[in-house]
Protein backbone atom coordinates (compact mmCIF):
# COMPACT_ATOMS: atom_id res chain seq x y z
CA MET A 1 -27.67 -31.46 -17.70
CA ILE A 2 -30.72 -29.99 -15.95
CA THR A 3 -33.94 -30.63 -17.88
CA ARG A 4 -36.49 -27.85 -18.30
CA PRO A 5 -39.08 -29.34 -15.86
CA ALA A 6 -36.39 -29.75 -13.20
CA PHE A 7 -35.22 -26.17 -13.76
CA VAL A 8 -38.77 -24.80 -13.48
CA TYR A 9 -39.42 -26.84 -10.32
CA GLY A 10 -36.18 -25.56 -8.77
CA PHE A 11 -37.04 -22.02 -9.78
CA VAL A 12 -40.47 -22.30 -8.14
CA LEU A 13 -38.90 -23.66 -4.94
CA LEU A 14 -36.42 -20.78 -4.94
CA LEU A 15 -39.19 -18.21 -5.23
CA ALA A 16 -41.03 -19.90 -2.36
CA LEU A 17 -38.34 -18.59 0.00
CA PRO A 18 -39.03 -15.42 1.98
CA ASP A 19 -37.20 -12.28 0.88
CA ASP A 20 -34.46 -12.40 3.52
CA ALA A 21 -33.63 -16.04 2.73
CA LEU A 22 -33.69 -15.38 -1.01
CA LEU A 23 -31.35 -12.41 -0.53
CA ALA A 24 -28.95 -14.71 1.34
CA VAL A 25 -28.95 -17.05 -1.67
CA LEU A 26 -28.48 -14.22 -4.17
CA ALA A 27 -25.51 -12.94 -2.17
CA PHE A 28 -23.47 -15.88 -3.55
CA LEU A 29 -23.89 -14.67 -7.14
CA PRO A 30 -21.27 -12.48 -8.85
CA PRO A 31 -22.40 -9.04 -10.09
CA ARG A 32 -22.92 -10.09 -13.71
CA GLN A 33 -25.26 -12.93 -12.75
CA LEU A 34 -27.18 -10.63 -10.42
CA LEU A 35 -27.86 -8.36 -13.37
CA ASP A 36 -28.84 -11.35 -15.55
CA CYS A 37 -31.33 -12.62 -12.94
CA ARG A 38 -33.21 -9.33 -13.09
CA VAL A 39 -35.04 -10.38 -16.25
CA LEU A 40 -36.47 -13.64 -14.85
CA CYS A 41 -39.40 -12.14 -12.97
CA ARG A 42 -40.59 -8.96 -11.26
CA ARG A 43 -39.68 -10.17 -7.79
CA LEU A 44 -36.12 -11.01 -8.76
CA ARG A 45 -35.93 -7.72 -10.65
CA ASP A 46 -36.35 -5.89 -7.36
CA LEU A 47 -34.37 -8.25 -5.14
CA CYS A 48 -31.35 -8.40 -7.47
CA LEU A 49 -30.97 -4.64 -7.08
CA HIS A 50 -31.26 -4.69 -3.29
CA ALA A 51 -28.75 -2.44 -1.54
CA ASP A 52 -27.65 -5.24 0.81
CA LEU A 53 -26.30 -7.17 -2.19
CA TRP A 54 -24.50 -4.33 -3.95
CA ARG A 55 -22.90 -2.56 -1.01
CA ARG A 56 -20.50 -5.53 -0.81
CA VAL A 57 -19.59 -5.51 -4.52
CA SER A 58 -16.14 -4.23 -5.53
CA LEU A 59 -15.60 -3.50 -9.22
CA THR A 60 -11.82 -3.25 -9.37
CA ARG A 61 -9.79 -2.85 -12.53
CA TRP A 62 -9.06 -6.60 -12.62
CA ARG A 63 -12.61 -7.82 -11.99
CA ARG A 64 -15.08 -5.29 -13.32
CA ARG A 65 -14.90 -6.47 -16.99
CA CYS A 66 -16.97 -3.59 -18.38
CA LEU A 67 -19.61 -4.03 -15.67
CA TRP A 68 -19.09 -0.54 -14.35
CA ARG A 69 -21.45 1.02 -16.90
CA ALA A 70 -24.30 -1.35 -16.04
CA ALA A 71 -23.62 -0.98 -12.33
CA LEU A 72 -23.71 2.82 -12.50
CA ARG A 73 -26.99 2.69 -14.41
CA LEU A 74 -28.76 0.02 -12.35
CA ALA A 75 -27.11 -0.71 -8.99
CA PRO A 76 -28.12 1.36 -5.95
CA CYS A 77 -24.64 1.31 -4.42
CA LEU A 78 -21.14 -0.17 -4.66
CA ARG A 79 -18.46 -0.93 -2.13
CA GLU A 80 -15.67 0.02 -4.55
CA LEU A 81 -15.41 1.38 -8.08
CA ASP A 82 -12.03 1.45 -9.83
CA LEU A 83 -11.90 3.56 -13.00
CA CYS A 84 -8.11 3.69 -13.29
CA ASP A 85 -7.85 1.83 -16.60
CA THR A 86 -10.81 3.50 -18.27
CA ASP A 87 -9.88 4.42 -21.84
CA ASP A 88 -11.60 7.80 -21.72
CA LEU A 89 -12.18 9.48 -18.37
CA ALA A 90 -14.61 11.89 -20.05
CA ASP A 91 -16.79 8.90 -20.96
CA ALA A 92 -16.73 7.75 -17.35
CA ALA A 93 -17.60 11.27 -16.19
CA ALA A 94 -20.66 11.26 -18.46
CA GLU A 95 -21.85 7.96 -16.97
CA VAL A 96 -21.28 9.22 -13.43
CA ALA A 97 -23.17 12.44 -14.15
CA ALA A 98 -26.33 10.41 -14.85
CA THR A 99 -25.98 7.86 -12.04
CA ALA A 100 -27.69 7.56 -8.68
CA CYS A 101 -25.34 4.80 -7.52
CA VAL A 102 -23.64 5.56 -4.21
CA VAL A 103 -19.96 4.51 -4.19
CA ALA A 104 -18.08 4.01 -0.92
CA LYS A 105 -14.57 3.89 -2.40
CA LEU A 106 -13.45 5.45 -5.68
CA SER A 107 -10.14 5.01 -7.55
CA LEU A 108 -9.03 7.31 -10.38
CA ASN A 109 -5.95 7.74 -12.54
CA VAL A 110 -4.91 11.12 -14.00
CA ALA A 111 -2.18 11.99 -16.50
CA SER A 112 -3.19 15.39 -17.92
CA ASP A 113 -5.10 18.58 -17.15
CA ARG A 114 -8.10 17.13 -19.02
CA ASP A 115 -8.04 14.04 -16.80
CA VAL A 116 -7.89 16.26 -13.72
CA ALA A 117 -10.98 18.19 -14.83
CA MET A 118 -12.94 14.98 -15.54
CA ALA A 119 -11.81 13.40 -12.26
CA ALA A 120 -12.88 16.50 -10.31
CA THR A 121 -16.33 16.24 -11.90
CA ILE A 122 -16.60 12.56 -10.92
CA VAL A 123 -15.54 13.23 -7.32
CA GLU A 124 -17.99 16.12 -6.99
CA LYS A 125 -20.90 13.97 -8.18
CA MET A 126 -19.99 11.03 -5.94
CA SER A 127 -19.64 13.39 -3.01
CA ALA A 128 -23.07 14.89 -3.74
CA LEU A 129 -24.66 11.42 -3.72
CA GLY A 130 -23.22 10.81 -0.24
CA GLY A 131 -21.49 7.71 1.07
CA LEU A 132 -18.03 8.36 -0.42
CA THR A 133 -15.57 7.52 2.35
CA GLY A 134 -12.47 6.33 0.44
CA PHE A 135 -10.54 7.77 -2.49
CA SER A 136 -7.42 6.59 -4.33
CA LEU A 137 -5.57 8.84 -6.76
CA PHE A 138 -2.81 7.66 -9.09
CA VAL A 139 -0.81 10.41 -10.79
CA ASN A 140 0.97 9.03 -13.87
CA ASP A 141 3.60 10.39 -16.23
CA TYR A 142 2.09 9.04 -19.45
CA TYR A 143 3.12 12.09 -21.45
CA TYR A 144 6.80 12.10 -20.56
CA GLY A 145 7.28 14.79 -17.96
CA THR A 146 4.18 16.90 -18.63
CA VAL A 147 3.40 18.80 -15.42
CA PHE A 148 -0.27 19.46 -14.76
CA ASP A 149 -2.27 21.24 -12.09
CA LEU A 150 -3.96 18.95 -9.54
CA ASP A 151 -5.59 21.76 -7.59
CA PRO A 152 -9.13 21.39 -9.07
CA LEU A 153 -9.19 17.69 -8.21
CA LEU A 154 -7.67 18.14 -4.76
CA ALA A 155 -10.17 20.91 -4.03
CA ALA A 156 -12.99 18.52 -4.89
CA VAL A 157 -11.47 15.83 -2.66
CA ASN A 158 -11.12 18.28 0.22
CA ASN A 159 -14.83 19.09 -0.07
CA VAL A 160 -15.86 15.45 0.51
CA SER A 161 -17.32 15.78 3.97
CA HIS A 162 -16.97 12.21 5.27
CA LEU A 163 -13.76 11.05 3.60
CA THR A 164 -11.91 8.72 5.98
CA HIS A 165 -9.48 6.83 3.69
CA LEU A 166 -7.17 8.62 1.24
CA GLU A 167 -4.46 7.13 -0.99
CA ILE A 168 -2.20 9.14 -3.30
CA GLN A 169 0.51 7.69 -5.55
CA ASN A 170 2.70 10.12 -7.44
CA GLU A 171 4.48 8.06 -10.10
CA PHE A 172 6.40 10.95 -11.66
CA GLU A 173 10.10 10.16 -11.71
CA SER A 174 11.30 13.74 -11.38
CA ALA A 175 8.27 16.02 -11.03
CA ALA A 176 6.94 17.04 -7.64
CA LEU A 177 3.28 17.76 -7.06
CA LEU A 178 2.64 21.49 -7.30
CA SER A 179 3.45 23.53 -4.21
CA SER A 180 0.20 25.48 -4.61
CA CYS A 181 -1.55 22.39 -3.24
CA ALA A 182 -0.33 23.50 0.18
CA ASP A 183 -2.73 26.46 0.01
CA LEU A 184 -5.81 24.25 -0.24
CA GLU A 185 -8.10 24.25 2.77
CA GLY A 186 -10.45 21.54 3.95
CA SER A 187 -12.12 20.17 7.05
CA PRO A 188 -10.28 17.35 8.87
CA SER A 189 -11.84 13.91 8.31
CA VAL A 190 -9.20 11.46 6.98
CA LYS A 191 -8.25 8.71 9.43
CA ARG A 192 -6.10 6.55 7.13
CA LEU A 193 -3.62 8.11 4.68
CA SER A 194 -1.34 6.26 2.23
CA TYR A 195 1.17 8.38 0.33
CA THR A 196 3.71 7.30 -2.30
CA SER A 197 6.14 9.64 -4.03
CA SER A 198 9.70 9.47 -5.33
CA THR A 199 10.12 13.25 -5.13
CA GLU A 200 9.91 15.84 -2.40
CA ASP A 201 6.68 17.83 -2.63
CA THR A 202 4.48 19.85 -0.33
CA LEU A 203 1.22 17.97 -0.80
CA LEU A 204 2.01 15.45 1.93
CA GLU A 205 2.70 18.21 4.44
CA ALA A 206 -0.51 19.97 3.41
CA LEU A 207 -2.54 16.79 3.93
CA LEU A 208 -0.91 16.14 7.31
CA GLU A 209 -1.68 19.68 8.38
CA THR A 210 -5.28 19.57 7.16
CA HIS A 211 -6.11 16.24 8.79
CA ALA A 212 -3.83 16.48 11.82
CA SER A 213 -6.69 16.19 14.30
CA THR A 214 -8.17 13.00 12.76
CA LEU A 215 -5.26 10.96 11.29
CA GLU A 216 -4.80 7.59 12.98
CA HIS A 217 -3.00 5.40 10.40
CA LEU A 218 -0.22 6.58 8.08
CA HIS A 219 1.52 4.60 5.32
CA LEU A 220 4.47 6.35 3.68
CA ASP A 221 6.47 5.16 0.68
CA THR A 222 8.81 8.13 0.34
CA GLU A 223 12.21 9.15 1.64
CA HIS A 224 11.01 12.67 2.34
CA VAL A 225 9.15 12.09 5.59
CA PRO A 226 8.18 15.41 7.25
CA VAL A 227 8.92 14.35 10.82
CA SER A 228 8.07 17.82 12.16
CA ALA A 229 4.55 17.45 10.72
CA LEU A 230 4.17 13.92 12.11
CA LYS A 231 4.84 15.24 15.60
CA GLU A 232 1.62 17.25 15.32
CA LEU A 233 -0.63 14.18 14.93
CA PRO A 234 -2.07 13.55 18.39
CA LYS A 235 -4.20 10.54 17.35
CA LEU A 236 -1.61 8.72 15.21
CA ARG A 237 -1.77 5.02 16.13
CA SER A 238 0.18 3.27 13.38
CA LEU A 239 3.08 4.33 11.15
CA THR A 240 4.44 2.34 8.19
CA CYS A 241 7.60 3.52 6.41
CA GLU A 242 8.61 1.69 3.23
CA LEU A 243 11.76 3.79 2.60
CA GLN A 244 14.39 5.13 4.97
CA PRO A 245 13.58 8.72 5.99
CA THR A 246 16.25 11.37 5.63
CA GLU A 247 15.20 13.09 8.87
CA ASP A 248 15.70 11.98 12.47
CA VAL A 249 12.58 10.06 13.55
CA SER A 250 13.41 9.85 17.26
CA GLY A 251 11.03 12.72 18.04
CA LEU A 252 8.06 10.50 17.18
CA LYS A 253 8.47 8.71 20.51
CA ALA A 254 6.53 11.58 22.09
CA LEU A 255 3.35 10.76 20.14
CA PRO A 256 0.82 9.76 22.83
CA SER A 257 -1.18 7.24 20.76
CA LEU A 258 1.53 5.58 18.63
CA ALA A 259 1.05 1.83 19.09
CA SER A 260 2.26 0.29 15.81
CA LEU A 261 5.52 0.69 13.87
CA ASP A 262 6.25 -1.05 10.58
CA PHE A 263 9.66 -0.40 9.02
CA SER A 264 10.93 -1.86 5.73
CA TRP A 265 14.40 -0.32 5.79
CA GLU A 266 17.62 -0.87 7.71
CA VAL A 267 16.87 0.53 11.13
CA SER A 268 20.27 0.23 12.77
CA GLY A 269 21.79 2.78 10.39
CA SER A 270 18.85 5.20 10.27
CA PRO A 271 18.88 8.46 12.24
CA GLY A 272 16.85 8.16 15.41
CA ALA A 273 15.17 4.83 14.59
CA LEU A 274 16.82 2.84 17.38
CA GLU A 275 16.04 5.60 19.84
CA LEU A 276 12.40 5.53 18.72
CA LEU A 277 12.19 1.75 19.22
CA GLY A 278 13.95 1.92 22.57
CA GLU A 279 12.01 4.81 24.11
CA ALA A 280 8.49 4.81 22.63
CA PRO A 281 6.24 4.00 25.60
CA HIS A 282 3.06 2.57 24.06
CA LEU A 283 4.07 0.22 21.22
CA ARG A 284 1.97 -2.91 20.85
CA LYS A 285 2.85 -3.98 17.30
CA VAL A 286 6.30 -3.76 15.66
CA SER A 287 7.57 -5.01 12.31
CA VAL A 288 11.25 -4.40 11.64
CA PRO A 289 13.99 -5.94 9.48
CA CYS A 290 17.15 -6.71 11.40
CA SER A 291 19.99 -6.09 8.96
CA GLY A 292 23.14 -4.05 8.57
CA PRO A 293 26.31 -4.29 10.66
CA LYS A 294 24.32 -4.77 13.90
CA PRO A 295 21.26 -6.82 12.93
CA SER A 296 20.24 -7.53 16.52
CA ALA A 297 20.29 -3.84 17.57
CA PRO A 298 16.55 -3.19 16.93
CA LEU A 299 15.54 -6.25 18.94
CA VAL A 300 17.85 -5.35 21.82
CA ALA A 301 16.51 -1.79 21.86
CA LEU A 302 12.92 -2.99 21.84
CA ALA A 303 13.52 -5.52 24.64
CA ALA A 304 14.87 -2.72 26.86
CA SER A 305 12.09 -0.26 26.00
CA PRO A 306 9.13 0.75 28.18
CA SER A 307 6.90 -0.93 25.55
CA ALA A 308 8.44 -4.39 26.09
CA ARG A 309 5.93 -5.61 28.67
CA GLN A 310 2.89 -4.60 26.59
CA LEU A 311 4.14 -5.61 23.13
CA GLU A 312 1.59 -7.96 21.51
CA SER A 313 2.85 -8.50 17.95
CA LEU A 314 6.44 -8.74 16.69
CA ARG A 315 7.63 -9.40 13.13
CA ILE A 316 11.37 -9.73 12.57
CA LEU A 317 12.64 -10.53 9.09
CA THR A 318 16.35 -10.94 8.61
CA ARG A 319 18.86 -13.13 6.82
CA SER A 320 21.25 -12.99 9.75
CA LYS A 321 21.86 -16.40 11.28
CA ASP A 322 22.51 -15.00 14.76
CA VAL A 323 19.31 -13.01 15.37
CA SER A 324 17.32 -16.06 16.49
CA LYS A 325 19.50 -16.46 19.58
CA HIS A 326 18.76 -12.84 20.47
CA VAL A 327 15.04 -13.57 20.01
CA ILE A 328 15.37 -16.49 22.43
CA ALA A 329 17.02 -14.21 24.99
CA ALA A 330 14.43 -11.46 24.48
CA LEU A 331 11.27 -13.60 24.64
CA PRO A 332 10.89 -13.39 28.45
CA LYS A 333 11.03 -9.57 28.13
CA PHE A 334 7.75 -9.67 26.15
CA PRO A 335 5.19 -11.27 28.51
CA SER A 336 2.20 -9.98 26.49
CA LEU A 337 3.49 -11.19 23.11
CA ARG A 338 0.76 -13.07 21.24
CA ASP A 339 2.00 -13.07 17.62
CA LEU A 340 5.60 -13.67 16.55
CA ALA A 341 6.95 -13.97 13.00
CA LEU A 342 10.59 -14.42 12.02
CA ILE A 343 13.02 -16.10 9.66
CA VAL A 344 14.82 -19.06 11.19
CA HIS A 345 17.76 -20.85 9.56
CA SER A 346 17.95 -24.61 9.60
CA ARG A 347 20.90 -24.83 11.96
CA ARG A 348 19.13 -22.61 14.52
CA LEU A 349 15.63 -24.02 14.02
CA GLU A 350 15.60 -26.75 16.65
CA ASP A 351 17.25 -24.53 19.26
CA PHE A 352 14.61 -21.87 18.72
CA LEU A 353 11.65 -24.28 18.83
CA GLN A 354 12.94 -25.84 22.04
CA ALA A 355 13.22 -22.38 23.62
CA VAL A 356 9.54 -21.52 23.09
CA SER A 357 7.60 -22.56 26.17
CA PRO A 358 5.01 -21.17 28.61
CA ALA A 359 7.91 -20.05 30.79
CA THR A 360 9.51 -17.90 28.06
CA ALA A 361 6.42 -16.91 26.03
CA SER A 362 3.38 -17.31 28.26
CA SER A 363 0.93 -15.39 26.00
CA LEU A 364 2.15 -16.60 22.59
CA SER A 365 -0.73 -17.97 20.48
CA MET A 366 0.60 -17.60 16.91
CA LEU A 367 4.11 -18.42 15.67
CA VAL A 368 4.93 -17.83 11.99
CA LEU A 369 8.22 -19.22 10.74
CA PHE A 370 9.83 -18.23 7.45
CA THR A 371 12.36 -21.02 7.14
CA ALA A 372 15.57 -20.39 5.22
CA GLY A 373 17.75 -22.96 3.51
CA GLU A 374 16.87 -26.45 2.33
CA VAL A 375 14.16 -27.15 4.90
CA CYS A 376 11.30 -29.45 3.94
CA ARG A 377 8.06 -28.28 5.50
CA HIS A 378 6.74 -31.83 5.55
CA ALA A 379 9.78 -33.06 7.44
CA LEU A 380 9.59 -30.11 9.83
CA LEU A 381 5.91 -30.75 10.64
CA HIS A 382 6.63 -34.43 11.24
CA GLY A 383 9.72 -33.74 13.31
CA ALA A 384 10.22 -34.12 17.03
CA ALA A 385 10.90 -30.38 17.42
CA VAL A 386 7.38 -29.42 16.29
CA GLU A 387 5.86 -32.26 18.32
CA GLY A 388 7.62 -30.96 21.42
CA LEU A 389 6.75 -27.33 20.63
CA LEU A 390 3.00 -27.96 20.32
CA GLY A 391 3.05 -30.36 23.25
CA ARG A 392 4.59 -27.76 25.56
CA ASN A 393 2.35 -24.97 24.26
CA PRO A 394 -1.22 -26.31 23.96
CA ARG A 395 -2.64 -22.86 22.98
CA LEU A 396 -0.07 -22.20 20.26
CA HIS A 397 -0.71 -22.11 16.48
CA LEU A 398 2.20 -22.73 14.10
CA ARG A 399 2.52 -21.59 10.50
CA VAL A 400 5.50 -22.50 8.31
CA LEU A 401 5.80 -20.26 5.23
CA ASN A 402 8.15 -19.58 2.32
CA SER A 403 10.25 -22.63 2.93
CA GLY A 404 13.07 -23.48 0.58
CA GLY A 405 11.56 -26.94 0.37
CA CYS A 406 13.12 -30.06 -1.01
CA SER A 407 15.56 -29.95 -3.87
CA GLU A 408 14.34 -33.36 -5.00
CA GLU A 409 10.72 -33.86 -3.89
CA ALA A 410 10.50 -37.24 -5.62
CA ASP A 411 13.18 -38.61 -3.29
CA CYS A 412 11.67 -37.14 -0.10
CA GLU A 413 9.73 -39.71 1.91
CA TRP A 414 7.78 -36.97 3.68
CA CYS A 415 6.67 -35.30 0.45
CA ARG A 416 5.58 -38.64 -0.97
CA LEU A 417 3.19 -39.15 1.95
CA GLY A 418 0.92 -36.43 0.58
CA CYS A 419 -0.23 -35.40 4.05
CA HIS A 420 -0.36 -31.83 5.37
CA THR A 421 -1.58 -30.67 1.99
CA ASP A 422 -2.48 -27.24 3.37
CA LEU A 423 1.04 -26.25 4.34
CA ARG A 424 0.02 -22.67 5.09
CA ALA A 425 -2.49 -23.76 7.73
CA ALA A 426 -2.21 -22.93 11.41
CA TYR A 427 -1.32 -26.20 13.14
CA ALA A 428 -2.06 -26.71 16.83
CA ALA A 429 -2.32 -29.46 19.44
CA HIS A 430 -6.03 -28.73 19.93
CA CYS A 431 -9.22 -28.76 17.88
CA ARG A 432 -10.39 -25.48 16.41
CA GLY A 433 -12.27 -23.28 18.87
CA GLU A 434 -14.00 -19.92 18.76
CA ASP A 435 -10.76 -17.98 19.26
CA CYS A 436 -8.77 -19.98 16.70
CA PRO A 437 -7.97 -18.95 13.13
CA LYS A 438 -10.41 -20.27 10.53
CA ASP A 439 -7.69 -22.50 9.08
CA CYS A 440 -6.69 -24.01 12.42
CA HIS A 441 -5.81 -27.72 11.94
CA ARG A 442 -5.10 -30.19 14.68
CA TRP A 443 -1.54 -31.39 14.28
CA THR A 444 -0.95 -35.11 13.93
CA CYS A 445 2.33 -36.83 13.18
């Protein structure tokens, strides 16, 4: 226990620091303690409300713990403010109306026309303060199918001049967002759009049309992908599709800037997906599950594509036991590949590790293995296959994740050793350097 004289002496030493050093110390404090330190002295009162401290603070729904009121009244700015679980949005709107706190990212949840009106008021005030660059909207069906008009809120969002990140989740089971949203006009600014909906509505098409000239990253969790609208996005760099689109996506190969594809659905049976993988000319990052009747088809198409020689990151997740041999055959086709992640079954594991070498994967620096079956990560890291892999590839980092592990850890001699406690670390044959991951560990048997 710290005695009072020791506390006072430490407090005096702390105040002896110059402002920039004291700010660096205060940066380690959570928001609540920053507010508590305000009352200790005049100097801390001012420093604890410094913009450099608060512009990094995120008050999300899980961490804010009723701090949002105090932050809106006292803090000069916030990195993120999440008001989704606020009991009364009108109460939040009243607090926002009196605040001078600049918020960079705002999250709101609406479930009625009253919520929409209050949310529109909040967005308008945050926009007027300046600095609002991200907005997340969650549309919920709390009142069992009640359809409400989002136009006032969407009009307020469209008037945010520097909005670059936009997320919309429509959680209605059977109600589409109103088609009148398509008539809203706004200036293009959004670079990153995330859209989730279980129904077909026109809001997504309206957003794509409005921000066609600026959109660079698109995340879609809907089956109703307007491929015709995606073709009009000249700056689109990355596309993530969580659900299988109903339209043919092959036309997206003509997008001049498309460099990243992330699919979470069965590609081999989807219209145009294999053609997109096999003919897109500028892909540098691909994530695709290999499943269905021809699990190796996406990999084969990608290896024969014009993007093969410039591909830098590849993530293949499949339960098929035969895909790894196709990966071995395809590795020399990807001379620029730096990051590779895949599931490897125990009976194919050693064959795959032996196939990775500077001759087959000259640029590979990160290998992530999701091992399937009863594979002990301890035993794998101590095994001759990993020793040979890291010995042949001195620049390589190895991660072993999601292993089935041992069925009886108490009887496993490797588990009893207690070594390699950080099993998610990136193991390598070298000491950590400037270009290494922060969790790079030198591998030792």
